[in-house]
Amino acid sequence: MTATLAPPVRIGKAAVGALGVLAVATGALESVVTPTLPLLQRELDMSQAEGALLSIVLLITGALVTPVAGRFGDRYGGKRVLIRLMAVVSAGGLVSALAPNLPVLLLGQVLQGAMVGALPLSFILVRAHLPAGESKVAIGVVSGLFVGGGMAGTLSAGPVAEGLSRHWMFALPTIAVIGSTLLVNRLMPHDPPGRSDDAGIDWPGLVLLSGTLVTLMLVLALAPDLGAQPLVLGALIVVLAAFVTGWTAVERRAASPMVDLRMLARPAVWKSCVLTFVICVGTSVAVYLVPQLFAVSVGAYGFGASATEIGFFLLPGAVAASLAGPVGGIGARRFGSRAVVTAGVVIMAAALIALAAVHTEIWHLVIGKVMISLANGLCVTAMVTSTATSVDQGDTGIATSLVLVTRVVGFAVGVQLGGALLTAGTPSGSDVPAESAFVTGFVIAGVVTALSLLVARTMSKGVKE
């Protein structure tokens, strides 16, 4: 006999609202580092490369946690996993708030990275407790509030850090996360667990991918300082190659791999992954370099901007990024994915080259960052849409997870590249990089982005409606 599960309890606006409040809180906590990175570097005596590492560890953890969280949510119920995941996030926020030095702050950011898995778990809950039509609206509301929380964090982090301390800029959103998690736990009914997956979690693949990403970040972060120690750098590269080889072998043999590499044999998927990686490298170089350039003193060639001012300068880019998703989706339906990706690549490459040539006024950087954020959103949305519609419905999750992992790797490589360039371009005895280091970073990012047109032109046009 098979037991019949009772239908899930329908939720009301209060429960959806609780998920929305949690999305705002996590979005705010996720976004506080970017506008205050120059301040954190000064207070914690970080190098440019260490600052780059701090800005990406949260995303790396998120890329590793998200597929596992989704699998556990399907198996054990979304609410049960979400509450436990947010307990880890809350612990990470408190560690970050109390951190006296960089290693402890990095640990806090690693724990906070679990928040990236909160959105798919929220979607599981919404779909379990609402009809299809209402669930689409609720998912859109929760996603939009997460973006809104990111904007609030970008704006508030600087004033809080400068008016109170850097500790409070982590503590306040963490308190909001704890409160909203308690609210979700009270208002959201439990969803029934899904069908058990006999294949289980691909733990060996997860461990090897973690080792690959961590080693890659170490190579990029330490490369400028290890130039005089080629044996150490060579050893790290050998370790990286071993992790990649082992991970590839494990994923090809796993019954239920975390990342199905066989999917990469499909042209639509590998082209989307290559484009995602290249475009995210270009985007993340600018994401790292622009705030650093704002913070360079007026006596050199920068603007001497405070953390508060940097947050305001970055806000238009955050708004553009939030609008780019729907615009990209509409464009992909009307003109096809290839047209949207091509337009995005051209806009981004032009903006990066323009920033390399002209960056003497604040509005140059603000407009450049807006164009780059818009272009990135257009491209990523179009490529996810193209990938999702080019495979069988049962393979959608596998294919899009490849794009997700590639996006995080590309972002991490770009940020670490920017940090390495500034570290290498900082004269001995000075804490201000040479202006040429910024120019070189923008040029490299622009050229690499432009080269992606060679792949974009071979994409299928995509579905037009």
Protein backbone atom coordinates (compact mmCIF):
# COMPACT_ATOMS: atom_id res chain seq x y z
CA MET A 1 0.00 0.00 0.00
CA THR A 2 1.13 3.53 -0.67
CA ALA A 3 0.30 6.32 1.75
CA THR A 4 -1.67 9.23 0.37
CA LEU A 5 -0.21 12.58 1.32
CA ALA A 6 -2.64 15.27 2.42
CA PRO A 7 -2.77 18.24 0.06
CA PRO A 8 -0.60 21.13 1.18
CA VAL A 9 -2.21 23.96 3.13
CA ARG A 10 -2.91 27.04 1.03
CA ILE A 11 -1.02 30.08 2.29
CA GLY A 12 -2.21 33.65 2.49
CA LYS A 13 -0.63 37.02 1.85
CA ALA A 14 0.95 37.12 5.31
CA ALA A 15 3.07 34.03 4.63
CA VAL A 16 4.15 35.31 1.21
CA GLY A 17 4.89 38.64 2.86
CA ALA A 18 7.12 36.89 5.41
CA LEU A 19 9.10 35.32 2.58
CA GLY A 20 9.34 38.76 0.98
CA VAL A 21 10.67 40.32 4.19
CA LEU A 22 13.25 37.53 4.40
CA ALA A 23 14.24 38.23 0.79
CA VAL A 24 14.74 41.93 1.58
CA ALA A 25 16.86 41.10 4.63
CA THR A 26 19.08 38.58 2.83
CA GLY A 27 19.46 40.87 -0.18
CA ALA A 28 20.61 43.68 2.11
CA LEU A 29 23.07 41.43 3.96
CA GLU A 30 24.50 40.14 0.68
CA SER A 31 25.19 43.61 -0.74
CA VAL A 32 26.95 45.44 2.10
CA VAL A 33 30.53 44.50 1.14
CA THR A 34 30.72 45.99 -2.38
CA PRO A 35 30.20 49.70 -1.57
CA THR A 36 32.31 49.49 1.61
CA LEU A 37 35.18 47.38 0.26
CA PRO A 38 37.70 50.27 0.21
CA LEU A 39 36.76 51.08 3.84
CA LEU A 40 37.17 47.42 4.87
CA GLN A 41 40.54 47.27 3.12
CA ARG A 42 41.76 50.27 5.08
CA GLU A 43 40.45 49.15 8.46
CA LEU A 44 41.64 45.54 8.14
CA ASP A 45 44.88 46.39 6.30
CA MET A 46 44.01 44.24 3.28
CA SER A 47 45.82 44.13 -0.03
CA GLN A 48 43.90 44.63 -3.26
CA ALA A 49 43.97 40.87 -3.92
CA GLU A 50 42.67 40.10 -0.42
CA GLY A 51 39.88 42.61 -0.95
CA ALA A 52 38.95 40.85 -4.18
CA LEU A 53 38.87 37.51 -2.34
CA LEU A 54 36.57 38.96 0.34
CA SER A 55 34.12 40.17 -2.31
CA ILE A 56 33.62 36.73 -3.89
CA VAL A 57 33.72 34.08 -1.15
CA LEU A 58 29.99 34.52 -0.50
CA LEU A 59 29.17 33.77 -4.14
CA ILE A 60 31.43 30.73 -4.24
CA THR A 61 29.71 29.25 -1.18
CA GLY A 62 26.36 30.05 -2.76
CA ALA A 63 27.23 28.22 -5.96
CA LEU A 64 28.10 25.12 -3.95
CA VAL A 65 25.19 25.29 -1.50
CA THR A 66 22.37 26.10 -3.93
CA PRO A 67 22.09 22.74 -5.76
CA VAL A 68 22.37 20.83 -2.47
CA ALA A 69 19.76 23.04 -0.80
CA GLY A 70 17.38 22.56 -3.72
CA ARG A 71 17.83 18.79 -3.61
CA PHE A 72 17.26 18.68 0.15
CA GLY A 73 14.26 20.99 -0.20
CA ASP A 74 12.63 18.66 -2.72
CA ARG A 75 13.38 15.65 -0.51
CA TYR A 76 12.66 16.89 3.03
CA GLY A 77 10.44 19.92 2.48
CA GLY A 78 11.31 23.51 1.65
CA LYS A 79 10.45 25.06 5.01
CA ARG A 80 12.50 22.59 7.04
CA VAL A 81 15.61 23.19 4.95
CA LEU A 82 15.07 26.95 4.64
CA ILE A 83 14.91 27.50 8.42
CA ARG A 84 18.12 25.53 8.97
CA LEU A 85 19.84 27.31 6.11
CA MET A 86 18.94 30.71 7.53
CA ALA A 87 20.32 29.65 10.92
CA VAL A 88 23.68 29.19 9.18
CA VAL A 89 23.31 32.57 7.46
CA SER A 90 22.47 34.26 10.76
CA ALA A 91 25.54 32.70 12.38
CA GLY A 92 27.64 33.95 9.46
CA GLY A 93 26.24 37.46 9.79
CA LEU A 94 27.07 37.52 13.50
CA VAL A 95 30.60 36.24 12.84
CA SER A 96 31.08 38.97 10.22
CA ALA A 97 29.72 41.59 12.61
CA LEU A 98 32.12 40.57 15.38
CA ALA A 99 35.12 39.85 13.15
CA PRO A 100 38.33 41.47 14.45
CA ASN A 101 40.40 40.57 11.38
CA LEU A 102 40.25 39.33 7.79
CA PRO A 103 40.34 35.53 8.41
CA VAL A 104 37.34 35.72 10.76
CA LEU A 105 35.48 38.01 8.34
CA LEU A 106 36.15 35.53 5.52
CA LEU A 107 34.68 32.74 7.70
CA GLY A 108 31.58 34.85 8.27
CA GLN A 109 31.19 35.47 4.55
CA VAL A 110 31.56 31.75 3.81
CA LEU A 111 28.70 31.00 6.21
CA GLN A 112 26.60 33.87 4.83
CA GLY A 113 26.95 32.35 1.35
CA ALA A 114 24.29 29.82 2.32
CA MET A 115 21.75 32.62 1.72
CA VAL A 116 21.99 32.08 -2.05
CA GLY A 117 20.04 28.85 -1.55
CA ALA A 118 17.17 30.73 0.13
CA LEU A 119 15.51 31.88 -3.12
CA PRO A 120 15.03 28.43 -4.70
CA LEU A 121 13.75 27.13 -1.35
CA SER A 122 11.29 30.03 -1.19
CA PHE A 123 10.11 29.11 -4.69
CA ILE A 124 9.60 25.50 -3.58
CA LEU A 125 7.37 26.73 -0.75
CA VAL A 126 5.38 29.07 -2.97
CA ARG A 127 4.78 26.41 -5.60
CA ALA A 128 3.76 23.87 -2.93
CA HIS A 129 1.15 26.12 -1.31
CA LEU A 130 -0.29 28.20 -4.17
CA PRO A 131 -1.96 27.48 -7.53
CA ALA A 132 0.22 27.86 -10.62
CA GLY A 133 -1.00 31.33 -11.57
CA GLU A 134 -0.66 32.79 -8.08
CA SER A 135 2.70 31.11 -7.52
CA LYS A 136 4.18 32.91 -10.55
CA VAL A 137 3.12 36.24 -9.11
CA ALA A 138 4.48 35.36 -5.67
CA ILE A 139 7.81 34.20 -7.12
CA GLY A 140 8.09 37.49 -8.99
CA VAL A 141 7.33 39.44 -5.81
CA VAL A 142 9.93 37.55 -3.75
CA SER A 143 12.58 37.90 -6.49
CA GLY A 144 11.89 41.61 -6.84
CA LEU A 145 12.11 42.15 -3.09
CA PHE A 146 15.48 40.38 -3.00
CA VAL A 147 16.77 42.84 -5.59
CA GLY A 148 15.20 45.69 -3.62
CA GLY A 149 16.96 44.49 -0.49
CA GLY A 150 20.24 44.54 -2.38
CA MET A 151 19.65 48.17 -3.32
CA ALA A 152 18.81 49.03 0.30
CA GLY A 153 22.02 47.35 1.46
CA THR A 154 24.07 49.20 -1.15
CA LEU A 155 22.66 52.54 0.01
CA SER A 156 22.71 51.96 3.76
CA ALA A 157 26.03 50.12 4.22
CA GLY A 158 28.19 53.24 3.84
CA PRO A 159 26.24 55.52 6.23
CA VAL A 160 26.02 52.75 8.84
CA ALA A 161 29.72 51.86 8.58
CA GLU A 162 30.79 55.50 8.80
CA GLY A 163 28.18 56.65 11.34
CA LEU A 164 28.37 53.61 13.64
CA SER A 165 31.02 51.07 12.59
CA ARG A 166 31.69 48.33 10.05
CA HIS A 167 30.42 45.86 12.68
CA TRP A 168 26.92 47.34 12.62
CA MET A 169 26.63 47.22 8.83
CA PHE A 170 26.66 43.41 9.17
CA ALA A 171 24.76 43.28 12.48
CA LEU A 172 21.66 45.27 11.45
CA PRO A 173 20.69 43.17 8.38
CA THR A 174 21.57 40.02 10.34
CA ILE A 175 19.07 41.03 13.03
CA ALA A 176 16.51 41.53 10.24
CA VAL A 177 17.33 38.05 8.86
CA ILE A 178 16.81 36.47 12.30
CA GLY A 179 13.50 38.28 12.81
CA SER A 180 12.15 37.45 9.35
CA THR A 181 13.22 33.80 9.70
CA LEU A 182 11.21 33.55 12.92
CA LEU A 183 8.29 35.15 11.08
CA VAL A 184 8.51 32.61 8.24
CA ASN A 185 8.72 29.77 10.74
CA ARG A 186 5.54 31.02 12.44
CA LEU A 187 3.43 31.85 9.38
CA MET A 188 4.53 29.31 6.77
CA PRO A 189 3.01 25.82 7.07
CA HIS A 190 5.20 22.79 6.49
CA ASP A 191 5.23 21.50 2.93
CA PRO A 192 5.14 17.74 2.38
CA PRO A 193 8.49 16.11 1.53
CA GLY A 194 8.95 15.07 -2.06
CA ARG A 195 9.87 11.75 -3.58
CA SER A 196 13.05 10.25 -2.17
CA ASP A 197 16.03 10.35 -4.53
CA ASP A 198 17.87 7.04 -4.26
CA ALA A 199 20.95 8.49 -5.96
CA GLY A 200 21.51 10.89 -3.05
CA ILE A 201 23.78 13.91 -3.00
CA ASP A 202 26.97 13.96 -5.04
CA TRP A 203 29.21 14.67 -2.04
CA PRO A 204 32.51 13.72 -3.75
CA GLY A 205 31.69 16.05 -6.63
CA LEU A 206 30.78 18.84 -4.19
CA VAL A 207 34.05 18.44 -2.27
CA LEU A 208 36.18 18.36 -5.41
CA LEU A 209 34.40 21.38 -6.92
CA SER A 210 34.97 23.24 -3.63
CA GLY A 211 38.67 22.40 -3.79
CA THR A 212 38.82 23.50 -7.43
CA LEU A 213 37.24 26.90 -6.77
CA VAL A 214 39.24 27.59 -3.60
CA THR A 215 42.53 26.65 -5.28
CA LEU A 216 41.68 28.74 -8.33
CA MET A 217 41.00 31.75 -6.10
CA LEU A 218 44.29 31.21 -4.24
CA VAL A 219 46.23 31.08 -7.51
CA LEU A 220 44.67 34.31 -8.74
CA ALA A 221 44.96 36.07 -5.37
CA LEU A 222 48.57 35.09 -4.70
CA ALA A 223 49.95 35.22 -8.25
CA PRO A 224 51.25 38.83 -8.00
CA ASP A 225 53.13 38.06 -4.76
CA LEU A 226 54.39 34.67 -5.91
CA GLY A 227 56.14 35.92 -9.02
CA ALA A 228 59.45 35.58 -7.21
CA GLN A 229 58.49 32.10 -5.99
CA PRO A 230 57.67 30.17 -9.16
CA LEU A 231 57.86 26.78 -7.40
CA VAL A 232 55.04 27.70 -4.99
CA LEU A 233 52.91 29.05 -7.81
CA GLY A 234 53.66 25.95 -9.89
CA ALA A 235 52.66 23.70 -7.00
CA LEU A 236 49.32 25.50 -6.65
CA ILE A 237 48.69 25.11 -10.37
CA VAL A 238 49.45 21.37 -10.14
CA VAL A 239 46.99 21.06 -7.23
CA LEU A 240 44.39 22.96 -9.25
CA ALA A 241 44.88 20.63 -12.23
CA ALA A 242 44.52 17.60 -9.94
CA PHE A 243 41.24 18.93 -8.50
CA VAL A 244 39.86 19.65 -11.98
CA THR A 245 40.86 16.20 -13.26
CA GLY A 246 39.41 14.43 -10.23
CA TRP A 247 36.18 16.44 -10.32
CA THR A 248 35.71 15.76 -14.03
CA ALA A 249 36.22 12.02 -13.53
CA VAL A 250 33.81 11.86 -10.58
CA GLU A 251 31.08 13.88 -12.30
CA ARG A 252 31.23 11.70 -15.42
CA ARG A 253 30.72 8.53 -13.34
CA ALA A 254 28.24 9.81 -10.72
CA ALA A 255 24.70 8.42 -10.87
CA SER A 256 23.30 11.85 -9.98
CA PRO A 257 26.08 14.39 -10.54
CA MET A 258 25.88 17.86 -9.05
CA VAL A 259 26.94 19.21 -12.46
CA ASP A 260 26.19 16.91 -15.39
CA LEU A 261 29.20 17.47 -17.66
CA ARG A 262 27.64 15.34 -20.40
CA MET A 263 25.20 18.17 -20.93
CA LEU A 264 28.14 20.32 -22.06
CA ALA A 265 28.37 18.27 -25.25
CA ARG A 266 25.22 20.03 -26.45
CA PRO A 267 26.14 23.12 -28.51
CA ALA A 268 23.40 25.30 -27.02
CA VAL A 269 24.67 24.57 -23.50
CA TRP A 270 28.43 24.91 -23.99
CA LYS A 271 28.00 28.08 -26.00
CA SER A 272 25.85 29.58 -23.24
CA CYS A 273 28.45 28.56 -20.65
CA VAL A 274 31.35 30.07 -22.62
CA LEU A 275 29.43 33.31 -23.16
CA THR A 276 28.32 33.45 -19.53
CA PHE A 277 31.89 32.98 -18.31
CA VAL A 278 33.37 35.63 -20.60
CA ILE A 279 30.62 38.19 -19.99
CA CYS A 280 30.77 37.70 -16.22
CA VAL A 281 34.56 38.14 -16.28
CA GLY A 282 34.09 41.49 -18.02
CA THR A 283 31.30 42.53 -15.67
CA SER A 284 33.12 41.57 -12.48
CA VAL A 285 36.33 43.37 -13.42
CA ALA A 286 34.27 46.57 -13.58
CA VAL A 287 32.33 45.66 -10.41
CA TYR A 288 35.64 45.50 -8.54
CA LEU A 289 37.57 48.32 -10.21
CA VAL A 290 34.91 51.06 -10.23
CA PRO A 291 34.47 51.33 -6.41
CA GLN A 292 38.26 51.21 -6.00
CA LEU A 293 38.64 54.08 -8.47
CA PHE A 294 35.99 56.10 -6.65
CA ALA A 295 37.97 55.68 -3.42
CA VAL A 296 41.38 56.76 -4.80
CA SER A 297 42.35 60.09 -3.27
CA VAL A 298 41.73 63.35 -5.12
CA GLY A 299 45.43 64.16 -4.83
CA ALA A 300 46.22 61.20 -7.08
CA TYR A 301 43.75 60.69 -9.92
CA GLY A 302 40.59 59.54 -8.11
CA PHE A 303 37.68 61.15 -6.28
CA GLY A 304 38.29 60.39 -2.60
CA ALA A 305 34.73 59.09 -2.23
CA SER A 306 33.52 57.83 1.14
CA ALA A 307 31.68 54.53 1.56
CA THR A 308 28.38 56.43 1.69
CA GLU A 309 29.13 58.28 -1.53
CA ILE A 310 30.24 55.07 -3.26
CA GLY A 311 26.89 53.48 -2.36
CA PHE A 312 25.00 56.36 -3.99
CA PHE A 313 27.24 56.23 -7.07
CA LEU A 314 26.60 52.48 -7.46
CA LEU A 315 22.83 52.72 -7.00
CA PRO A 316 22.00 53.57 -10.66
CA GLY A 317 23.87 50.44 -11.72
CA ALA A 318 21.85 48.35 -9.26
CA VAL A 319 18.62 49.82 -10.67
CA ALA A 320 19.77 49.02 -14.22
CA ALA A 321 20.57 45.44 -13.20
CA SER A 322 17.08 44.99 -11.72
CA LEU A 323 15.45 46.26 -14.92
CA ALA A 324 17.69 44.27 -17.23
CA GLY A 325 16.11 40.90 -16.36
CA PRO A 326 12.57 41.68 -17.54
CA VAL A 327 13.87 43.72 -20.49
CA GLY A 328 16.11 40.82 -21.53
CA GLY A 329 13.25 38.35 -21.28
CA ILE A 330 10.97 40.55 -23.41
CA GLY A 331 13.75 41.10 -25.93
CA ALA A 332 14.50 37.38 -26.18
CA ARG A 333 10.84 36.62 -26.91
CA ARG A 334 10.53 39.38 -29.49
CA PHE A 335 13.91 39.36 -31.24
CA GLY A 336 15.47 36.04 -30.23
CA SER A 337 18.23 35.24 -27.74
CA ARG A 338 21.11 35.75 -30.17
CA ALA A 339 20.09 39.33 -30.95
CA VAL A 340 19.82 40.21 -27.24
CA VAL A 341 23.18 38.61 -26.37
CA THR A 342 24.90 40.34 -29.30
CA ALA A 343 23.48 43.71 -28.30
CA GLY A 344 24.53 43.16 -24.68
CA VAL A 345 28.08 42.17 -25.64
CA VAL A 346 28.48 45.23 -27.87
CA ILE A 347 27.17 47.56 -25.13
CA MET A 348 29.43 46.05 -22.49
CA ALA A 349 32.59 46.01 -24.61
CA ALA A 350 32.01 49.62 -25.65
CA ALA A 351 31.42 50.70 -22.03
CA LEU A 352 34.58 48.97 -20.77
CA ILE A 353 36.78 50.48 -23.49
CA ALA A 354 35.20 53.88 -22.87
CA LEU A 355 36.01 53.62 -19.14
CA ALA A 356 39.63 52.81 -20.00
CA ALA A 357 39.84 55.94 -22.13
CA VAL A 358 37.69 58.35 -20.08
CA HIS A 359 37.34 58.14 -16.28
CA THR A 360 38.15 61.64 -15.07
CA GLU A 361 34.64 62.55 -13.89
CA ILE A 362 32.29 60.76 -11.52
CA TRP A 363 29.54 60.65 -14.12
CA HIS A 364 31.87 58.78 -16.49
CA LEU A 365 32.08 55.92 -13.99
CA VAL A 366 28.39 56.05 -13.05
CA ILE A 367 27.21 55.82 -16.66
CA GLY A 368 29.81 53.19 -17.51
CA LYS A 369 28.70 51.04 -14.57
CA VAL A 370 25.03 51.47 -15.56
CA MET A 371 25.72 50.30 -19.12
CA ILE A 372 27.78 47.32 -17.92
CA SER A 373 25.11 46.25 -15.41
CA LEU A 374 22.38 46.59 -18.03
CA ALA A 375 24.37 44.64 -20.62
CA ASN A 376 25.19 41.87 -18.15
CA GLY A 377 21.53 41.48 -17.17
CA LEU A 378 20.45 41.37 -20.81
CA CYS A 379 23.02 38.73 -21.71
CA VAL A 380 22.56 36.44 -18.73
CA THR A 381 18.75 36.52 -18.97
CA ALA A 382 18.84 35.76 -22.69
CA MET A 383 21.34 32.93 -22.23
CA VAL A 384 19.41 31.31 -19.39
CA THR A 385 16.24 31.57 -21.50
CA SER A 386 18.04 30.10 -24.51
CA THR A 387 19.50 27.25 -22.47
CA ALA A 388 16.23 26.42 -20.71
CA THR A 389 14.28 26.26 -23.97
CA SER A 390 16.91 24.30 -25.92
CA VAL A 391 16.81 21.15 -23.75
CA ASP A 392 14.09 18.72 -22.70
CA GLN A 393 11.91 19.90 -19.83
CA GLY A 394 13.37 17.25 -17.53
CA ASP A 395 16.89 18.57 -18.19
CA THR A 396 16.12 22.24 -17.51
CA GLY A 397 17.50 22.19 -13.97
CA ILE A 398 20.72 20.43 -14.98
CA ALA A 399 21.38 22.75 -17.92
CA THR A 400 20.66 25.96 -16.05
CA SER A 401 22.78 24.80 -13.08
CA LEU A 402 25.74 24.62 -15.45
CA VAL A 403 25.13 28.24 -16.43
CA LEU A 404 24.86 29.17 -12.72
CA VAL A 405 28.18 27.54 -11.80
CA THR A 406 29.85 29.09 -14.85
CA ARG A 407 28.49 32.51 -13.88
CA VAL A 408 29.98 32.29 -10.39
CA VAL A 409 33.34 31.06 -11.69
CA GLY A 410 33.46 33.86 -14.27
CA PHE A 411 32.57 36.46 -11.66
CA ALA A 412 35.21 35.11 -9.25
CA VAL A 413 37.93 35.02 -11.91
CA GLY A 414 37.15 38.58 -13.04
CA VAL A 415 37.21 40.02 -9.52
CA GLN A 416 40.44 38.22 -8.66
CA LEU A 417 41.95 39.40 -11.97
CA GLY A 418 41.07 42.99 -11.08
CA GLY A 419 42.58 42.57 -7.61
CA ALA A 420 45.75 41.01 -9.02
CA LEU A 421 46.19 43.84 -11.54
CA LEU A 422 45.85 46.50 -8.84
CA THR A 423 48.22 44.62 -6.52
CA ALA A 424 50.82 44.28 -9.28
CA GLY A 425 50.32 47.94 -10.23
CA THR A 426 50.84 49.33 -6.72
CA PRO A 427 54.36 50.82 -6.33
CA SER A 428 56.46 49.64 -3.40
CA GLY A 429 55.77 51.71 -0.29
CA SER A 430 52.48 53.08 -1.64
CA ASP A 431 48.88 52.02 -1.07
CA VAL A 432 47.61 53.69 -4.27
CA PRO A 433 47.75 51.63 -7.49
CA ALA A 434 49.07 53.29 -10.65
CA GLU A 435 46.31 54.64 -12.88
CA SER A 436 47.62 52.39 -15.66
CA ALA A 437 46.52 49.35 -13.62
CA PHE A 438 42.87 50.48 -13.88
CA VAL A 439 43.27 51.23 -17.59
CA THR A 440 44.79 47.80 -18.20
CA GLY A 441 41.96 46.09 -16.33
CA PHE A 442 39.23 47.86 -18.30
CA VAL A 443 41.00 47.19 -21.62
CA ILE A 444 41.51 43.49 -20.90
CA ALA A 445 37.89 43.10 -19.83
CA GLY A 446 36.68 44.98 -22.93
CA VAL A 447 38.77 42.95 -25.37
CA VAL A 448 37.79 39.62 -23.79
CA THR A 449 34.12 40.62 -23.87
CA ALA A 450 34.36 41.67 -27.52
CA LEU A 451 35.92 38.31 -28.45
CA SER A 452 32.76 36.59 -27.19
CA LEU A 453 31.02 37.88 -30.32
CA LEU A 454 32.78 35.03 -32.15
CA VAL A 455 30.70 32.60 -30.11
CA ALA A 456 27.54 34.71 -29.99
CA ARG A 457 27.26 34.80 -33.78
CA THR A 458 27.07 30.96 -33.86
CA MET A 459 24.13 30.82 -31.43
CA SER A 460 20.73 29.81 -32.69
CA LYS A 461 18.42 32.81 -33.00
CA GLY A 462 16.17 31.48 -30.25
CA VAL A 463 12.42 31.35 -30.06
CA LYS A 464 10.62 34.51 -31.13
CA GLU A 465 6.98 35.07 -30.34
